[in-house]
Protein backbone atom coordinates (compact mmCIF):
# COMPACT_ATOMS: atom_id res chain seq x y z
CA MET A 1 43.01 109.43 88.36
CA ILE A 2 46.03 111.09 89.97
CA ASN A 3 48.30 108.53 88.30
CA LEU A 4 47.23 109.66 84.81
CA ARG A 5 48.22 113.23 85.53
CA TRP A 6 51.05 113.06 88.06
CA LYS A 7 52.38 109.50 87.57
CA VAL A 8 52.90 108.55 91.20
CA LEU A 9 55.27 105.62 91.41
CA VAL A 10 52.84 102.83 92.32
CA HIS A 11 55.51 100.15 92.69
CA LEU A 12 57.25 102.20 95.36
CA SER A 13 53.92 102.84 97.09
CA VAL A 14 53.28 99.12 97.37
CA GLY A 15 56.87 98.41 98.36
CA THR A 16 56.85 101.08 101.06
CA TYR A 17 53.55 99.80 102.44
CA ALA A 18 54.77 96.19 102.48
CA ALA A 19 58.08 97.14 104.11
CA LEU A 20 56.35 99.14 106.84
CA GLN A 21 53.88 96.34 107.50
CA ALA A 22 56.72 93.83 107.79
CA ALA A 23 58.69 96.14 110.09
CA ASN A 24 55.71 96.46 112.45
CA GLY A 25 56.26 92.90 113.63
CA MET A 26 60.06 93.02 113.70
CA GLY A 27 60.71 95.25 116.67
CA GLY A 28 63.76 97.44 116.10
CA CYS A 29 64.08 96.92 112.35
CA MET A 30 62.26 100.10 111.34
CA PRO A 31 65.48 102.14 110.76
CA LEU A 32 66.79 99.40 108.47
CA VAL A 33 63.52 99.25 106.55
CA LEU A 34 63.43 103.02 106.13
CA ALA A 35 67.03 102.98 104.90
CA GLY A 36 66.03 100.38 102.30
CA VAL A 37 63.16 102.55 101.07
CA GLU A 38 65.52 105.52 100.87
CA VAL A 39 68.13 103.61 98.86
CA LEU A 40 65.51 102.27 96.47
CA SER A 41 64.05 105.76 96.05
CA TRP A 42 67.48 107.23 95.35
CA ALA A 43 68.22 104.47 92.83
CA ARG A 44 65.00 105.12 90.89
CA ILE A 45 65.81 108.83 90.66
CA ARG A 46 69.52 108.34 89.93
CA SER A 47 68.85 105.84 87.13
CA GLY A 48 66.54 108.33 85.45
CA GLN A 49 63.55 105.99 85.65
CA HIS A 50 61.46 108.46 87.67
CA THR A 51 61.51 112.04 88.89
CA ALA A 52 61.92 112.99 92.54
CA SER A 53 58.27 114.07 92.75
CA GLN A 54 57.07 110.72 91.41
CA VAL A 55 59.20 108.84 93.93
CA CYS A 56 58.20 111.07 96.85
CA GLY A 57 54.56 110.78 95.86
CA GLY A 58 54.82 107.01 95.74
CA VAL A 59 56.45 106.79 99.15
CA LEU A 60 53.89 109.20 100.59
CA VAL A 61 50.98 107.14 99.29
CA GLY A 62 52.49 103.97 100.80
CA VAL A 63 52.99 105.65 104.18
CA VAL A 64 49.48 107.12 104.21
CA ILE A 65 47.88 103.76 103.41
CA HIS A 66 50.00 102.05 106.08
CA ASP A 67 49.09 104.63 108.74
CA ALA A 68 45.42 104.61 107.75
CA GLY A 69 45.37 100.83 108.09
CA ASN A 70 46.97 101.01 111.53
CA LEU A 71 44.49 103.69 112.63
CA LEU A 72 41.55 101.67 111.35
CA GLY A 73 42.86 98.60 113.16
CA THR A 74 43.11 100.56 116.39
CA VAL A 75 39.62 102.01 116.04
CA LEU A 76 38.00 98.70 115.12
CA GLY A 77 40.23 96.50 117.29
């Protein structure tokens, strides 16, 4: 529903989630992964494909889903 009104960038949500999940098992790679998400976000805005709010919303959704999954795993694990 939010996507019809606000157009959150779903591709970046999924990409952010996948990158954070991959970085969980890679030790000290988190800064590199975050830099990759930042560069991709900047590129989407700079190319005019999306607005800054769409990109930020997409990244936020990916981070929230990642953190919720980790919390759920901790509670159930």
